[in-house]
Amino acid sequence: MATVAALENFRENVSSVLAARKISQRELARRIATSHPYVNRILQGQVDPGMTQCEKIADAISIPLNDLLLDPQHFSLTPV
């Protein structure tokens, strides 16, 4: 990841997608073949995921990675 801000945006936007789509962290972990505690630590900002892990998460929730890096004020689950 390029910046701390990008990671913060990523975490917040992924959390928003999970909540909106009613996808649990456990389900996300299953989709990306990792543990639930690891996903929780990513979303809580306790661990910084690498680019590969971010891409897996984006693919698992069907949102382009570039969109997940947007400022949460500009992120929308509804296509423009």
PDB file of N, CA and C in Angstrom:
ATOM      1  N   MET A   1       0.835  -1.175   0.000  1.00  0.00           N
ATOM      2  CA  MET A   1       0.000   0.000   0.000  1.00  0.00           C
ATOM      3  C   MET A   1       0.877   1.234   0.000  1.00  0.00           C
ATOM      4  N   ALA A   2       0.410   2.236  -0.649  1.00  0.00           N
ATOM      5  CA  ALA A   2       1.216   3.436  -0.819  1.00  0.00           C
ATOM      6  C   ALA A   2       1.243   4.319   0.416  1.00  0.00           C
ATOM      7  N   THR A   3       0.111   4.531   1.023  1.00  0.00           N
ATOM      8  CA  THR A   3       0.073   5.471   2.141  1.00  0.00           C
ATOM      9  C   THR A   3      -0.785   4.936   3.278  1.00  0.00           C
ATOM     10  N   VAL A   4      -0.567   5.546   4.429  1.00  0.00           N
ATOM     11  CA  VAL A   4      -1.396   5.214   5.591  1.00  0.00           C
ATOM     12  C   VAL A   4      -2.850   5.582   5.305  1.00  0.00           C
ATOM     13  N   ALA A   5      -3.062   6.726   4.655  1.00  0.00           N
ATOM     14  CA  ALA A   5      -4.423   7.161   4.334  1.00  0.00           C
ATOM     15  C   ALA A   5      -5.126   6.150   3.428  1.00  0.00           C
ATOM     16  N   ALA A   6      -4.395   5.602   2.452  1.00  0.00           N
ATOM     17  CA  ALA A   6      -4.986   4.614   1.552  1.00  0.00           C
ATOM     18  C   ALA A   6      -5.417   3.375   2.327  1.00  0.00           C
ATOM     19  N   LEU A   7      -4.600   2.943   3.275  1.00  0.00           N
ATOM     20  CA  LEU A   7      -4.970   1.781   4.098  1.00  0.00           C
ATOM     21  C   LEU A   7      -6.177   2.082   4.967  1.00  0.00           C
ATOM     22  N   GLU A   8      -6.229   3.267   5.531  1.00  0.00           N
ATOM     23  CA  GLU A   8      -7.386   3.648   6.345  1.00  0.00           C
ATOM     24  C   GLU A   8      -8.650   3.671   5.492  1.00  0.00           C
ATOM     25  N   ASN A   9      -8.550   4.230   4.286  1.00  0.00           N
ATOM     26  CA  ASN A   9      -9.691   4.240   3.368  1.00  0.00           C
ATOM     27  C   ASN A   9     -10.112   2.817   3.044  1.00  0.00           C
ATOM     28  N   PHE A  10      -9.135   1.974   2.731  1.00  0.00           N
ATOM     29  CA  PHE A  10      -9.400   0.574   2.403  1.00  0.00           C
ATOM     30  C   PHE A  10     -10.177  -0.101   3.530  1.00  0.00           C
ATOM     31  N   ARG A  11      -9.686   0.041   4.748  1.00  0.00           N
ATOM     32  CA  ARG A  11     -10.340  -0.604   5.903  1.00  0.00           C
ATOM     33  C   ARG A  11     -11.776  -0.113   6.075  1.00  0.00           C
ATOM     34  N   GLU A  12     -11.952   1.194   6.017  1.00  0.00           N
ATOM     35  CA  GLU A  12     -13.289   1.744   6.220  1.00  0.00           C
ATOM     36  C   GLU A  12     -14.242   1.319   5.106  1.00  0.00           C
ATOM     37  N   ASN A  13     -13.760   1.351   3.874  1.00  0.00           N
ATOM     38  CA  ASN A  13     -14.620   0.984   2.749  1.00  0.00           C
ATOM     39  C   ASN A  13     -14.951  -0.504   2.746  1.00  0.00           C
ATOM     40  N   VAL A  14     -13.997  -1.348   3.069  1.00  0.00           N
ATOM     41  CA  VAL A  14     -14.279  -2.789   3.163  1.00  0.00           C
ATOM     42  C   VAL A  14     -15.302  -3.033   4.264  1.00  0.00           C
ATOM     43  N   SER A  15     -15.140  -2.388   5.392  1.00  0.00           N
ATOM     44  CA  SER A  15     -16.101  -2.548   6.489  1.00  0.00           C
ATOM     45  C   SER A  15     -17.500  -2.120   6.057  1.00  0.00           C
ATOM     46  N   SER A  16     -17.587  -1.039   5.289  1.00  0.00           N
ATOM     47  CA  SER A  16     -18.887  -0.565   4.790  1.00  0.00           C
ATOM     48  C   SER A  16     -19.533  -1.580   3.858  1.00  0.00           C
ATOM     49  N   VAL A  17     -18.720  -2.153   2.982  1.00  0.00           N
ATOM     50  CA  VAL A  17     -19.236  -3.161   2.053  1.00  0.00           C
ATOM     51  C   VAL A  17     -19.739  -4.381   2.825  1.00  0.00           C
ATOM     52  N   LEU A  18     -18.950  -4.833   3.778  1.00  0.00           N
ATOM     53  CA  LEU A  18     -19.356  -6.003   4.569  1.00  0.00           C
ATOM     54  C   LEU A  18     -20.682  -5.735   5.275  1.00  0.00           C
ATOM     55  N   ALA A  19     -20.809  -4.568   5.875  1.00  0.00           N
ATOM     56  CA  ALA A  19     -22.045  -4.236   6.591  1.00  0.00           C
ATOM     57  C   ALA A  19     -23.226  -4.140   5.624  1.00  0.00           C
ATOM     58  N   ALA A  20     -23.037  -3.450   4.512  1.00  0.00           N
ATOM     59  CA  ALA A  20     -24.130  -3.254   3.556  1.00  0.00           C
ATOM     60  C   ALA A  20     -24.603  -4.565   2.946  1.00  0.00           C
ATOM     61  N   ARG A  21     -23.668  -5.457   2.719  1.00  0.00           N
ATOM     62  CA  ARG A  21     -24.008  -6.740   2.083  1.00  0.00           C
ATOM     63  C   ARG A  21     -24.222  -7.863   3.094  1.00  0.00           C
ATOM     64  N   LYS A  22     -24.130  -7.505   4.352  1.00  0.00           N
ATOM     65  CA  LYS A  22     -24.319  -8.487   5.433  1.00  0.00           C
ATOM     66  C   LYS A  22     -23.374  -9.682   5.279  1.00  0.00           C
ATOM     67  N   ILE A  23     -22.110  -9.364   5.006  1.00  0.00           N
ATOM     68  CA  ILE A  23     -21.058 -10.376   4.911  1.00  0.00           C
ATOM     69  C   ILE A  23     -20.251 -10.301   6.198  1.00  0.00           C
ATOM     70  N   SER A  24     -20.123 -11.394   6.888  1.00  0.00           N
ATOM     71  CA  SER A  24     -19.365 -11.405   8.139  1.00  0.00           C
ATOM     72  C   SER A  24     -17.869 -11.445   7.852  1.00  0.00           C
ATOM     73  N   GLN A  25     -17.098 -11.043   8.845  1.00  0.00           N
ATOM     74  CA  GLN A  25     -15.644 -11.163   8.728  1.00  0.00           C
ATOM     75  C   GLN A  25     -15.254 -12.623   8.556  1.00  0.00           C
ATOM     76  N   ARG A  26     -15.971 -13.499   9.206  1.00  0.00           N
ATOM     77  CA  ARG A  26     -15.702 -14.937   9.080  1.00  0.00           C
ATOM     78  C   ARG A  26     -15.915 -15.407   7.643  1.00  0.00           C
ATOM     79  N   GLU A  27     -16.991 -14.918   7.010  1.00  0.00           N
ATOM     80  CA  GLU A  27     -17.265 -15.273   5.616  1.00  0.00           C
ATOM     81  C   GLU A  27     -16.184 -14.692   4.706  1.00  0.00           C
ATOM     82  N   LEU A  28     -15.781 -13.458   4.935  1.00  0.00           N
ATOM     83  CA  LEU A  28     -14.704 -12.871   4.140  1.00  0.00           C
ATOM     84  C   LEU A  28     -13.434 -13.700   4.287  1.00  0.00           C
ATOM     85  N   ALA A  29     -13.124 -14.086   5.497  1.00  0.00           N
ATOM     86  CA  ALA A  29     -11.934 -14.915   5.739  1.00  0.00           C
ATOM     87  C   ALA A  29     -12.017 -16.219   4.951  1.00  0.00           C
ATOM     88  N   ARG A  30     -13.189 -16.820   4.925  1.00  0.00           N
ATOM     89  CA  ARG A  30     -13.370 -18.062   4.165  1.00  0.00           C
ATOM     90  C   ARG A  30     -13.126 -17.818   2.674  1.00  0.00           C
ATOM     91  N   ARG A  31     -13.664 -16.703   2.169  1.00  0.00           N
ATOM     92  CA  ARG A  31     -13.528 -16.392   0.745  1.00  0.00           C
ATOM     93  C   ARG A  31     -12.082 -16.149   0.326  1.00  0.00           C
ATOM     94  N   ILE A  32     -11.262 -15.629   1.234  1.00  0.00           N
ATOM     95  CA  ILE A  32      -9.868 -15.342   0.873  1.00  0.00           C
ATOM     96  C   ILE A  32      -8.898 -16.357   1.469  1.00  0.00           C
ATOM     97  N   ALA A  33      -9.456 -17.428   2.020  1.00  0.00           N
ATOM     98  CA  ALA A  33      -8.661 -18.544   2.541  1.00  0.00           C
ATOM     99  C   ALA A  33      -7.660 -18.098   3.611  1.00  0.00           C
ATOM    100  N   THR A  34      -8.175 -17.390   4.605  1.00  0.00           N
ATOM    101  CA  THR A  34      -7.356 -16.997   5.742  1.00  0.00           C
ATOM    102  C   THR A  34      -8.203 -17.122   7.006  1.00  0.00           C
ATOM    103  N   SER A  35      -7.659 -16.714   8.127  1.00  0.00           N
ATOM    104  CA  SER A  35      -8.387 -16.859   9.384  1.00  0.00           C
ATOM    105  C   SER A  35      -9.229 -15.623   9.690  1.00  0.00           C
ATOM    106  N   HIS A  36     -10.293 -15.860  10.427  1.00  0.00           N
ATOM    107  CA  HIS A  36     -11.146 -14.762  10.883  1.00  0.00           C
ATOM    108  C   HIS A  36     -10.363 -13.766  11.737  1.00  0.00           C
ATOM    109  N   PRO A  37      -9.534 -14.222  12.692  1.00  0.00           N
ATOM    110  CA  PRO A  37      -8.760 -13.249  13.478  1.00  0.00           C
ATOM    111  C   PRO A  37      -7.858 -12.360  12.619  1.00  0.00           C
ATOM    112  N   TYR A  38      -7.296 -12.913  11.553  1.00  0.00           N
ATOM    113  CA  TYR A  38      -6.434 -12.114  10.680  1.00  0.00           C
ATOM    114  C   TYR A  38      -7.253 -11.023   9.980  1.00  0.00           C
ATOM    115  N   VAL A  39      -8.412 -11.373   9.469  1.00  0.00           N
ATOM    116  CA  VAL A  39      -9.289 -10.380   8.833  1.00  0.00           C
ATOM    117  C   VAL A  39      -9.666  -9.304   9.848  1.00  0.00           C
ATOM    118  N   ASN A  40      -9.995  -9.713  11.055  1.00  0.00           N
ATOM    119  CA  ASN A  40     -10.343  -8.753  12.097  1.00  0.00           C
ATOM    120  C   ASN A  40      -9.186  -7.798  12.369  1.00  0.00           C
ATOM    121  N   ARG A  41      -7.985  -8.321  12.445  1.00  0.00           N
ATOM    122  CA  ARG A  41      -6.810  -7.465  12.699  1.00  0.00           C
ATOM    123  C   ARG A  41      -6.568  -6.493  11.545  1.00  0.00           C
ATOM    124  N   ILE A  42      -6.814  -6.920  10.324  1.00  0.00           N
ATOM    125  CA  ILE A  42      -6.691  -6.010   9.180  1.00  0.00           C
ATOM    126  C   ILE A  42      -7.688  -4.863   9.335  1.00  0.00           C
ATOM    127  N   LEU A  43      -8.938  -5.210   9.584  1.00  0.00           N
ATOM    128  CA  LEU A  43      -9.986  -4.189   9.644  1.00  0.00           C
ATOM    129  C   LEU A  43      -9.876  -3.295  10.869  1.00  0.00           C
ATOM    130  N   GLN A  44      -9.230  -3.779  11.917  1.00  0.00           N
ATOM    131  CA  GLN A  44      -9.023  -2.963  13.114  1.00  0.00           C
ATOM    132  C   GLN A  44      -7.746  -2.126  13.033  1.00  0.00           C
ATOM    133  N   GLY A  45      -6.974  -2.301  11.971  1.00  0.00           N
ATOM    134  CA  GLY A  45      -5.745  -1.531  11.796  1.00  0.00           C
ATOM    135  C   GLY A  45      -4.572  -2.059  12.600  1.00  0.00           C
ATOM    136  N   GLN A  46      -4.670  -3.301  13.051  1.00  0.00           N
ATOM    137  CA  GLN A  46      -3.599  -3.896  13.841  1.00  0.00           C
ATOM    138  C   GLN A  46      -2.525  -4.541  12.973  1.00  0.00           C
ATOM    139  N   VAL A  47      -2.859  -4.798  11.706  1.00  0.00           N
ATOM    140  CA  VAL A  47      -1.899  -5.374  10.765  1.00  0.00           C
ATOM    141  C   VAL A  47      -2.162  -4.728   9.408  1.00  0.00           C
ATOM    142  N   ASP A  48      -1.093  -4.461   8.676  1.00  0.00           N
ATOM    143  CA  ASP A  48      -1.215  -3.874   7.345  1.00  0.00           C
ATOM    144  C   ASP A  48      -1.132  -4.976   6.298  1.00  0.00           C
ATOM    145  N   PRO A  49      -2.199  -5.150   5.519  1.00  0.00           N
ATOM    146  CA  PRO A  49      -2.167  -6.176   4.481  1.00  0.00           C
ATOM    147  C   PRO A  49      -1.284  -5.737   3.323  1.00  0.00           C
ATOM    148  N   GLY A  50      -0.697  -6.694   2.651  1.00  0.00           N
ATOM    149  CA  GLY A  50       0.076  -6.408   1.451  1.00  0.00           C
ATOM    150  C   GLY A  50      -0.863  -6.219   0.267  1.00  0.00           C
ATOM    151  N   MET A  51      -0.297  -5.817  -0.838  1.00  0.00           N
ATOM    152  CA  MET A  51      -1.093  -5.580  -2.046  1.00  0.00           C
ATOM    153  C   MET A  51      -1.831  -6.839  -2.479  1.00  0.00           C
ATOM    154  N   THR A  52      -1.181  -7.987  -2.405  1.00  0.00           N
ATOM    155  CA  THR A  52      -1.823  -9.247  -2.800  1.00  0.00           C
ATOM    156  C   THR A  52      -3.048  -9.520  -1.944  1.00  0.00           C
ATOM    157  N   GLN A  53      -2.927  -9.315  -0.635  1.00  0.00           N
ATOM    158  CA  GLN A  53      -4.048  -9.553   0.268  1.00  0.00           C
ATOM    159  C   GLN A  53      -5.177  -8.559  -0.011  1.00  0.00           C
ATOM    160  N   CYS A  54      -4.836  -7.315  -0.280  1.00  0.00           N
ATOM    161  CA  CYS A  54      -5.856  -6.307  -0.604  1.00  0.00           C
ATOM    162  C   CYS A  54      -6.591  -6.682  -1.886  1.00  0.00           C
ATOM    163  N   GLU A  55      -5.859  -7.178  -2.874  1.00  0.00           N
ATOM    164  CA  GLU A  55      -6.481  -7.604  -4.128  1.00  0.00           C
ATOM    165  C   GLU A  55      -7.421  -8.780  -3.902  1.00  0.00           C
ATOM    166  N   LYS A  56      -7.015  -9.720  -3.045  1.00  0.00           N
ATOM    167  CA  LYS A  56      -7.880 -10.869  -2.726  1.00  0.00           C
ATOM    168  C   LYS A  56      -9.169 -10.405  -2.072  1.00  0.00           C
ATOM    169  N   ILE A  57      -9.052  -9.474  -1.146  1.00  0.00           N
ATOM    170  CA  ILE A  57     -10.236  -8.954  -0.458  1.00  0.00           C
ATOM    171  C   ILE A  57     -11.153  -8.248  -1.453  1.00  0.00           C
ATOM    172  N   ALA A  58     -10.579  -7.405  -2.301  1.00  0.00           N
ATOM    173  CA  ALA A  58     -11.371  -6.699  -3.312  1.00  0.00           C
ATOM    174  C   ALA A  58     -12.107  -7.687  -4.217  1.00  0.00           C
ATOM    175  N   ASP A  59     -11.404  -8.714  -4.678  1.00  0.00           N
ATOM    176  CA  ASP A  59     -12.032  -9.735  -5.526  1.00  0.00           C
ATOM    177  C   ASP A  59     -13.141 -10.465  -4.772  1.00  0.00           C
ATOM    178  N   ALA A  60     -12.906 -10.765  -3.510  1.00  0.00           N
ATOM    179  CA  ALA A  60     -13.878 -11.529  -2.719  1.00  0.00           C
ATOM    180  C   ALA A  60     -15.179 -10.770  -2.495  1.00  0.00           C
ATOM    181  N   ILE A  61     -15.103  -9.438  -2.491  1.00  0.00           N
ATOM    182  CA  ILE A  61     -16.320  -8.643  -2.284  1.00  0.00           C
ATOM    183  C   ILE A  61     -16.772  -7.959  -3.577  1.00  0.00           C
ATOM    184  N   SER A  62     -16.105  -8.294  -4.686  1.00  0.00           N
ATOM    185  CA  SER A  62     -16.481  -7.805  -6.025  1.00  0.00           C
ATOM    186  C   SER A  62     -16.510  -6.282  -6.132  1.00  0.00           C
ATOM    187  N   ILE A  63     -15.474  -5.663  -5.576  1.00  0.00           N
ATOM    188  CA  ILE A  63     -15.307  -4.212  -5.682  1.00  0.00           C
ATOM    189  C   ILE A  63     -13.886  -3.976  -6.198  1.00  0.00           C
ATOM    190  N   PRO A  64     -13.717  -3.141  -7.213  1.00  0.00           N
ATOM    191  CA  PRO A  64     -12.356  -2.867  -7.694  1.00  0.00           C
ATOM    192  C   PRO A  64     -11.479  -2.280  -6.581  1.00  0.00           C
ATOM    193  N   LEU A  65     -10.252  -2.741  -6.502  1.00  0.00           N
ATOM    194  CA  LEU A  65      -9.345  -2.275  -5.460  1.00  0.00           C
ATOM    195  C   LEU A  65      -9.210  -0.758  -5.484  1.00  0.00           C
ATOM    196  N   ASN A  66      -9.122  -0.167  -6.653  1.00  0.00           N
ATOM    197  CA  ASN A  66      -8.997   1.293  -6.736  1.00  0.00           C
ATOM    198  C   ASN A  66     -10.161   1.997  -6.044  1.00  0.00           C
ATOM    199  N   ASP A  67     -11.361   1.444  -6.157  1.00  0.00           N
ATOM    200  CA  ASP A  67     -12.529   2.035  -5.500  1.00  0.00           C
ATOM    201  C   ASP A  67     -12.397   1.945  -3.984  1.00  0.00           C
ATOM    202  N   LEU A  68     -11.867   0.830  -3.494  1.00  0.00           N
ATOM    203  CA  LEU A  68     -11.723   0.647  -2.046  1.00  0.00           C
ATOM    204  C   LEU A  68     -10.685   1.589  -1.448  1.00  0.00           C
ATOM    205  N   LEU A  69      -9.821   2.145  -2.272  1.00  0.00           N
ATOM    206  CA  LEU A  69      -8.791   3.065  -1.797  1.00  0.00           C
ATOM    207  C   LEU A  69      -9.270   4.518  -1.773  1.00  0.00           C
ATOM    208  N   LEU A  70     -10.459   4.764  -2.331  1.00  0.00           N
ATOM    209  CA  LEU A  70     -11.002   6.121  -2.348  1.00  0.00           C
ATOM    210  C   LEU A  70     -11.313   6.612  -0.942  1.00  0.00           C
ATOM    211  N   ASP A  71     -11.282   7.916  -0.781  1.00  0.00           N
ATOM    212  CA  ASP A  71     -11.734   8.528   0.461  1.00  0.00           C
ATOM    213  C   ASP A  71     -13.165   8.038   0.707  1.00  0.00           C
ATOM    214  N   PRO A  72     -13.487   7.579   1.905  1.00  0.00           N
ATOM    215  CA  PRO A  72     -14.823   7.058   2.179  1.00  0.00           C
ATOM    216  C   PRO A  72     -15.959   8.035   1.828  1.00  0.00           C
ATOM    217  N   GLN A  73     -15.677   9.330   1.838  1.00  0.00           N
ATOM    218  CA  GLN A  73     -16.696  10.316   1.459  1.00  0.00           C
ATOM    219  C   GLN A  73     -17.048  10.212  -0.022  1.00  0.00           C
ATOM    220  N   HIS A  74     -16.131   9.656  -0.816  1.00  0.00           N
ATOM    221  CA  HIS A  74     -16.339   9.536  -2.248  1.00  0.00           C
ATOM    222  C   HIS A  74     -16.654   8.107  -2.688  1.00  0.00           C
ATOM    223  N   PHE A  75     -16.600   7.180  -1.742  1.00  0.00           N
ATOM    224  CA  PHE A  75     -16.855   5.768  -2.042  1.00  0.00           C
ATOM    225  C   PHE A  75     -18.354   5.524  -2.032  1.00  0.00           C
ATOM    226  N   SER A  76     -18.819   4.784  -3.006  1.00  0.00           N
ATOM    227  CA  SER A  76     -20.236   4.451  -3.076  1.00  0.00           C
ATOM    228  C   SER A  76     -20.395   3.021  -3.573  1.00  0.00           C
ATOM    229  N   LEU A  77     -21.303   2.312  -2.954  1.00  0.00           N
ATOM    230  CA  LEU A  77     -21.603   0.965  -3.423  1.00  0.00           C
ATOM    231  C   LEU A  77     -22.488   0.997  -4.669  1.00  0.00           C
ATOM    232  N   THR A  78     -23.073   2.152  -4.938  1.00  0.00           N
ATOM    233  CA  THR A  78     -23.932   2.305  -6.087  1.00  0.00           C
ATOM    234  C   THR A  78     -23.127   2.844  -7.263  1.00  0.00           C
ATOM    235  N   PRO A  79     -23.110   2.130  -8.380  1.00  0.00           N
ATOM    236  CA  PRO A  79     -22.360   2.627  -9.544  1.00  0.00           C
ATOM    237  C   PRO A  79     -22.903   3.966  -9.995  1.00  0.00           C
ATOM    238  N   VAL A  80     -22.006   4.823 -10.448  1.00  0.00           N
ATOM    239  CA  VAL A  80     -22.403   6.159 -10.903  1.00  0.00           C
ATOM    240  C   VAL A  80     -22.796   6.110 -12.352  1.00  0.00           C
TER     241      VAL A  80
END
